[in-house]
N, C-alpha and C. Protein backbone atom coordinates (compact mmCIF):
# COMPACT_ATOMS: atom_id res chain seq x y z
N MET A 1 -49.70 187.93 83.02
CA MET A 1 -48.67 187.17 82.02
C MET A 1 -49.10 185.55 81.56
N VAL A 2 -50.04 184.89 82.34
CA VAL A 2 -49.93 183.57 81.75
C VAL A 2 -50.59 183.04 80.50
N GLY A 3 -51.87 184.12 80.11
CA GLY A 3 -52.44 183.03 78.67
C GLY A 3 -53.06 182.39 78.96
N GLY A 4 -53.33 181.64 77.71
CA GLY A 4 -53.42 180.27 78.08
C GLY A 4 -55.08 180.26 78.36
N ASP A 5 -55.24 178.79 79.26
CA ASP A 5 -56.30 178.68 79.86
C ASP A 5 -57.04 179.76 80.73
N TYR A 6 -55.60 181.15 81.36
CA TYR A 6 -56.31 181.76 82.70
C TYR A 6 -57.16 182.78 81.75
N ALA A 7 -57.07 183.13 80.90
CA ALA A 7 -57.77 183.91 80.11
C ALA A 7 -59.28 184.16 80.53
N ASP A 8 -59.99 183.22 80.07
CA ASP A 8 -61.22 183.51 80.23
C ASP A 8 -61.34 183.24 81.98
N ARG A 9 -61.00 182.57 82.75
CA ARG A 9 -61.17 183.42 84.01
C ARG A 9 -60.47 184.69 84.29
N ASN A 10 -59.66 185.44 83.83
CA ASN A 10 -58.98 186.57 83.65
C ASN A 10 -60.21 187.30 83.80
N LEU A 11 -60.75 187.29 82.78
CA LEU A 11 -62.24 188.35 81.52
C LEU A 11 -63.02 188.04 83.17
N ALA A 12 -63.51 186.51 83.16
CA ALA A 12 -64.36 186.74 83.96
C ALA A 12 -64.64 187.04 85.55
N CYS A 13 -63.29 187.80 86.05
CA CYS A 13 -63.34 188.36 87.40
C CYS A 13 -62.92 189.74 87.31
N MET A 14 -63.10 190.35 85.94
CA MET A 14 -62.77 191.46 85.37
C MET A 14 -64.11 192.59 85.98
N ALA A 15 -63.98 194.03 86.43
CA ALA A 15 -64.51 194.61 86.77
C ALA A 15 -65.03 195.44 85.55
N VAL A 16 -66.03 196.30 85.41
CA VAL A 16 -66.98 197.14 84.34
C VAL A 16 -65.94 198.22 84.05
N ASP A 17 -65.72 198.62 82.49
CA ASP A 17 -64.53 199.27 82.08
C ASP A 17 -63.11 198.74 82.20
N GLY A 18 -62.95 197.69 82.65
CA GLY A 18 -61.41 197.12 83.20
C GLY A 18 -60.47 196.48 81.93
N ARG A 19 -59.09 196.95 82.30
CA ARG A 19 -58.73 196.24 81.02
C ARG A 19 -57.46 195.25 81.93
N TYR A 20 -57.54 194.30 80.11
CA TYR A 20 -56.43 193.14 80.60
C TYR A 20 -55.60 193.50 79.43
N ALA A 21 -54.23 193.90 80.38
CA ALA A 21 -52.94 193.70 79.70
C ALA A 21 -52.40 192.72 79.86
N LEU A 22 -52.29 191.97 79.04
CA LEU A 22 -51.42 190.57 78.33
C LEU A 22 -49.73 190.82 77.99
N ILE A 23 -48.91 190.38 78.90
CA ILE A 23 -47.46 190.93 78.59
C ILE A 23 -46.63 189.90 78.27
N SER A 24 -47.09 188.56 78.71
CA SER A 24 -46.40 186.90 78.67
C SER A 24 -47.92 186.13 78.18
N LEU A 25 -47.29 184.98 77.60
CA LEU A 25 -47.75 183.49 77.39
C LEU A 25 -47.23 182.47 77.59
N GLN A 26 -46.86 182.19 79.60
CA GLN A 26 -46.28 181.25 79.50
C GLN A 26 -47.20 180.35 80.01
N GLY A 27 -48.91 180.49 79.85
CA GLY A 27 -49.45 179.38 79.77
C GLY A 27 -49.53 178.76 78.72
N GLY A 28 -49.33 179.44 77.75
CA GLY A 28 -49.40 179.34 76.14
C GLY A 28 -50.68 180.16 75.33
N ALA A 29 -50.21 180.31 74.09
CA ALA A 29 -50.33 181.35 73.18
C ALA A 29 -52.35 181.27 72.77
N LYS A 30 -52.50 179.80 73.16
CA LYS A 30 -54.15 179.84 72.63
C LYS A 30 -54.65 179.67 73.75
N ALA A 31 -55.90 180.30 73.99
CA ALA A 31 -57.36 180.16 74.75
C ALA A 31 -58.70 179.80 74.24
N ALA A 32 -59.32 179.33 74.76
CA ALA A 32 -61.32 179.21 74.64
C ALA A 32 -61.63 180.05 75.61
N VAL A 33 -61.87 181.41 74.62
CA VAL A 33 -62.81 182.06 76.21
C VAL A 33 -64.13 182.73 75.91
N ASN A 34 -64.97 183.19 76.65
CA ASN A 34 -66.10 183.69 76.69
C ASN A 34 -65.67 185.25 75.90
N LEU A 35 -66.36 185.75 75.34
CA LEU A 35 -66.73 186.61 74.95
C LEU A 35 -67.89 187.96 75.31
N GLU A 36 -68.22 187.63 75.57
CA GLU A 36 -69.13 187.53 76.45
C GLU A 36 -69.03 188.86 77.13
N PRO A 37 -68.42 188.53 78.34
CA PRO A 37 -68.58 189.55 78.94
C PRO A 37 -67.43 190.92 78.47
N VAL A 38 -66.90 190.71 77.81
CA VAL A 38 -66.11 191.90 77.22
C VAL A 38 -67.10 193.19 76.67
N LEU A 39 -67.64 192.35 75.77
CA LEU A 39 -68.95 193.37 75.67
C LEU A 39 -70.20 193.91 76.43
N ARG A 40 -70.45 193.21 77.46
CA ARG A 40 -71.44 193.71 78.48
C ARG A 40 -70.48 194.39 79.67
N ARG A 41 -70.05 194.06 79.80
CA ARG A 41 -68.92 195.29 80.76
C ARG A 41 -68.00 195.90 79.88
N ARG A 42 -67.76 195.93 78.79
CA ARG A 42 -67.08 196.82 78.38
C ARG A 42 -65.63 196.84 78.68
N LEU A 43 -64.96 195.91 78.63
CA LEU A 43 -63.82 195.17 78.88
C LEU A 43 -62.83 195.96 77.48
N THR A 44 -61.34 195.93 78.05
CA THR A 44 -60.35 196.45 77.13
C THR A 44 -59.10 195.43 77.58
N LEU A 45 -58.68 194.94 76.25
CA LEU A 45 -57.53 193.88 76.11
C LEU A 45 -56.65 194.26 75.32
N VAL A 46 -55.50 194.39 76.06
CA VAL A 46 -54.61 195.21 75.00
C VAL A 46 -53.19 194.01 74.90
N GLY A 47 -52.26 193.96 74.57
CA GLY A 47 -51.26 193.46 74.15
C GLY A 47 -49.67 193.91 74.12
N SER A 48 -48.73 193.55 74.64
CA SER A 48 -47.43 194.06 74.68
C SER A 48 -46.36 193.31 75.00
N THR A 49 -44.92 193.81 74.95
CA THR A 49 -44.19 193.14 74.94
C THR A 49 -42.71 194.28 75.10
N LEU A 50 -41.83 193.81 75.88
CA LEU A 50 -40.84 194.79 75.65
C LEU A 50 -39.34 194.46 74.70
N ARG A 51 -40.05 193.65 74.28
CA ARG A 51 -38.07 192.94 73.37
C ARG A 51 -37.93 193.44 72.44
N PRO A 52 -39.11 193.85 71.63
CA PRO A 52 -38.75 194.76 69.93
C PRO A 52 -38.45 196.10 70.00
N LEU A 53 -38.72 196.50 71.36
CA LEU A 53 -38.43 197.68 71.24
C LEU A 53 -36.79 198.19 71.83
N PRO A 54 -36.62 199.33 71.21
CA PRO A 54 -35.03 200.10 71.50
C PRO A 54 -34.71 200.45 72.84
N PRO A 55 -33.60 200.52 73.45
CA PRO A 55 -32.92 200.58 74.79
C PRO A 55 -33.43 202.22 74.83
N GLU A 56 -33.12 202.81 73.85
CA GLU A 56 -34.29 204.05 74.90
C GLU A 56 -35.38 204.24 75.38
N THR A 57 -36.52 203.31 74.37
CA THR A 57 -37.69 203.33 74.66
C THR A 57 -37.98 202.27 76.14
N LYS A 58 -37.15 201.52 76.33
CA LYS A 58 -36.85 200.56 77.14
C LYS A 58 -36.35 201.40 78.73
N GLU A 59 -35.47 202.35 78.52
CA GLU A 59 -34.60 203.01 79.23
C GLU A 59 -35.83 204.34 79.74
N THR A 60 -36.42 205.11 79.15
CA THR A 60 -37.84 206.28 79.67
C THR A 60 -38.69 204.91 80.46
N ILE A 61 -39.07 203.57 79.83
CA ILE A 61 -39.88 203.40 80.76
C ILE A 61 -39.50 203.15 82.11
N ALA A 62 -38.40 202.42 82.35
CA ALA A 62 -37.80 202.04 83.57
C ALA A 62 -38.03 203.68 84.26
N ALA A 63 -37.14 204.45 83.81
CA ALA A 63 -36.98 205.89 84.32
C ALA A 63 -38.99 205.87 84.97
N ARG A 64 -39.74 206.13 84.54
CA ARG A 64 -41.00 206.07 84.66
C ARG A 64 -41.76 205.51 85.78
N LEU A 65 -40.96 203.91 85.71
CA LEU A 65 -41.35 202.90 86.93
C LEU A 65 -40.74 203.32 87.92
N VAL A 66 -39.61 204.09 87.87
CA VAL A 66 -39.43 204.54 89.31
C VAL A 66 -40.01 205.56 89.79
N ARG A 67 -40.14 206.68 88.46
CA ARG A 67 -40.41 208.11 89.06
C ARG A 67 -41.93 207.60 89.40
N ASP A 68 -43.00 206.50 89.20
CA ASP A 68 -43.96 206.99 89.31
C ASP A 68 -45.10 205.59 90.33
N VAL A 69 -43.94 204.68 89.83
CA VAL A 69 -44.47 203.30 90.79
C VAL A 69 -43.75 203.07 92.11
N LEU A 70 -42.71 203.22 92.29
CA LEU A 70 -41.52 202.62 92.75
C LEU A 70 -42.13 203.80 94.29
N PRO A 71 -42.55 204.96 93.92
CA PRO A 71 -42.74 205.20 95.40
C PRO A 71 -44.29 205.35 96.09
N ILE A 72 -45.12 204.73 94.92
CA ILE A 72 -46.15 204.22 95.78
C ILE A 72 -46.21 202.85 96.11
N LEU A 73 -45.25 201.44 95.68
CA LEU A 73 -44.75 200.66 96.63
C LEU A 73 -44.30 200.80 97.84
N SER A 74 -43.04 201.88 98.39
CA SER A 74 -42.74 202.23 99.14
C SER A 74 -43.36 202.80 100.04
N GLU A 75 -44.39 203.64 99.84
CA GLU A 75 -45.61 204.14 100.86
C GLU A 75 -46.27 203.28 100.86
N GLY A 76 -46.77 202.11 100.33
CA GLY A 76 -47.27 200.73 101.10
C GLY A 76 -48.45 201.51 100.49
N ARG A 77 -49.06 201.93 99.48
CA ARG A 77 -50.70 202.03 98.87
C ARG A 77 -50.63 200.95 97.71
N LEU A 78 -49.95 200.40 97.51
CA LEU A 78 -49.89 199.34 96.19
C LEU A 78 -49.32 198.31 97.06
N ARG A 79 -49.54 197.09 97.16
CA ARG A 79 -48.74 195.76 97.77
C ARG A 79 -49.14 194.77 96.87
N PRO A 80 -48.06 194.19 96.80
CA PRO A 80 -48.77 193.26 96.31
C PRO A 80 -48.89 191.79 97.07
N HIS A 81 -49.79 190.80 96.58
CA HIS A 81 -50.47 189.80 97.34
C HIS A 81 -49.22 188.20 97.01
N ILE A 82 -48.29 188.29 98.10
CA ILE A 82 -47.26 187.10 98.46
C ILE A 82 -48.68 185.88 98.99
N HIS A 83 -48.09 185.25 98.02
CA HIS A 83 -49.17 183.74 98.67
C HIS A 83 -47.70 182.98 99.59
N ALA A 84 -46.43 183.17 99.76
CA ALA A 84 -45.87 182.12 100.13
C ALA A 84 -44.20 182.87 99.84
N THR A 85 -43.84 182.82 101.28
CA THR A 85 -42.04 183.15 101.37
C THR A 85 -41.45 182.05 102.05
N PHE A 86 -39.96 181.53 100.87
CA PHE A 86 -39.42 180.33 101.20
C PHE A 86 -37.80 180.98 101.70
N ASP A 87 -37.01 180.31 102.41
CA ASP A 87 -35.78 180.58 101.82
C ASP A 87 -35.71 179.98 101.27
N ILE A 88 -34.12 180.72 100.61
CA ILE A 88 -33.53 180.14 99.15
C ILE A 88 -32.69 178.52 99.52
N GLU A 89 -32.58 178.52 100.70
CA GLU A 89 -32.22 176.66 101.15
C GLU A 89 -33.85 175.61 100.64
N ASP A 90 -34.71 176.03 100.53
CA ASP A 90 -36.23 175.53 100.54
C ASP A 90 -36.56 175.96 98.79
N VAL A 91 -35.90 176.26 98.04
CA VAL A 91 -36.13 176.36 96.52
C VAL A 91 -36.32 175.37 95.72
N GLY A 92 -36.43 173.77 96.15
CA GLY A 92 -36.91 173.15 95.76
C GLY A 92 -38.59 172.83 96.11
N GLU A 93 -38.42 173.55 97.58
CA GLU A 93 -40.43 173.30 97.92
C GLU A 93 -41.19 174.68 97.33
N ALA A 94 -40.34 175.65 96.94
CA ALA A 94 -40.85 176.82 96.15
C ALA A 94 -41.44 176.32 94.58
N HIS A 95 -40.55 175.55 94.28
CA HIS A 95 -40.54 175.02 92.84
C HIS A 95 -41.89 174.01 92.61
N ARG A 96 -41.48 173.14 93.74
CA ARG A 96 -42.87 172.39 93.35
C ARG A 96 -44.15 172.80 93.69
N THR A 97 -44.31 174.15 94.98
CA THR A 97 -45.69 175.36 94.35
C THR A 97 -45.92 175.79 93.37
N LEU A 98 -44.82 176.18 92.50
CA LEU A 98 -45.21 177.02 91.72
C LEU A 98 -45.54 175.77 90.37
N GLU A 99 -44.62 174.53 90.35
CA GLU A 99 -45.07 173.63 89.28
C GLU A 99 -46.53 173.68 89.32
N GLN A 100 -46.90 173.26 90.82
CA GLN A 100 -48.82 173.10 91.34
C GLN A 100 -49.79 173.63 91.02
N ASN A 101 -48.92 175.14 90.39
CA ASN A 101 -50.31 176.40 89.55
C ASN A 101 -50.97 176.45 90.17
N ASP A 102 -51.16 175.95 91.39
CA ASP A 102 -52.84 176.40 92.20
C ASP A 102 -52.54 177.39 93.38
N HIS A 103 -51.69 178.10 93.04
CA HIS A 103 -51.12 179.36 94.01
C HIS A 103 -51.90 180.58 93.56
N PHE A 104 -52.08 181.49 94.28
CA PHE A 104 -52.66 183.01 94.04
C PHE A 104 -51.75 183.82 95.03
N GLY A 105 -51.08 184.43 93.71
CA GLY A 105 -50.43 185.53 94.36
C GLY A 105 -48.55 185.01 94.24
N LYS A 106 -47.66 186.08 94.70
CA LYS A 106 -46.59 185.84 94.52
C LYS A 106 -45.49 184.49 95.04
N LEU A 107 -44.77 183.73 95.04
CA LEU A 107 -43.79 183.52 96.04
C LEU A 107 -42.93 184.21 96.18
N VAL A 108 -42.14 184.33 97.50
CA VAL A 108 -40.84 184.49 97.14
C VAL A 108 -39.78 184.56 98.32
N LEU A 109 -38.35 184.17 97.51
CA LEU A 109 -37.53 183.58 98.03
C LEU A 109 -36.64 184.49 98.30
N THR A 110 -35.91 183.94 99.72
CA THR A 110 -35.48 184.87 100.67
C THR A 110 -33.84 184.30 100.97
N MET A 111 -32.92 185.51 101.64
CA MET A 111 -31.55 184.59 101.67
C MET A 111 -31.20 185.19 103.18
N GLY A 112 -31.78 184.11 104.29
CA GLY A 112 -31.55 184.86 105.40
C GLY A 112 -32.17 186.05 105.97
N ASP A 113 -30.61 186.67 106.55
CA ASP A 113 -31.01 188.16 107.09
C ASP A 113 -31.33 188.93 105.82
N ILE A 114 -30.66 188.91 104.63
CA ILE A 114 -30.63 189.67 103.52
C ILE A 114 -32.13 190.12 102.69
N PRO A 115 -32.31 191.13 102.98
CA PRO A 115 -33.69 191.66 103.05
C PRO A 115 -33.68 191.31 101.19
């Protein structure tokens, strides 16, 4: 989702036959990358965005997500890496952490007893 200067780092850590799916450019649209790993490790780079798709296509994608991905998450077979959890009252601290851009994983805001 980041693009920009993360592109080279992302390519460098990919496994043989890995796929790099770029879905956003939060870090910028331009990057200097070393393309050698793409050749040596047979990497695939694909890009996509949902914005221009018709509503029917987006509905199909959402239905497949519910059918195929959510069960894997609920079973615990796939877990996102959580860098830190913040109470909603500490949203300023969460935002500062995000702005520092040195975290790995998700930042989660919670609302007390509400999951």
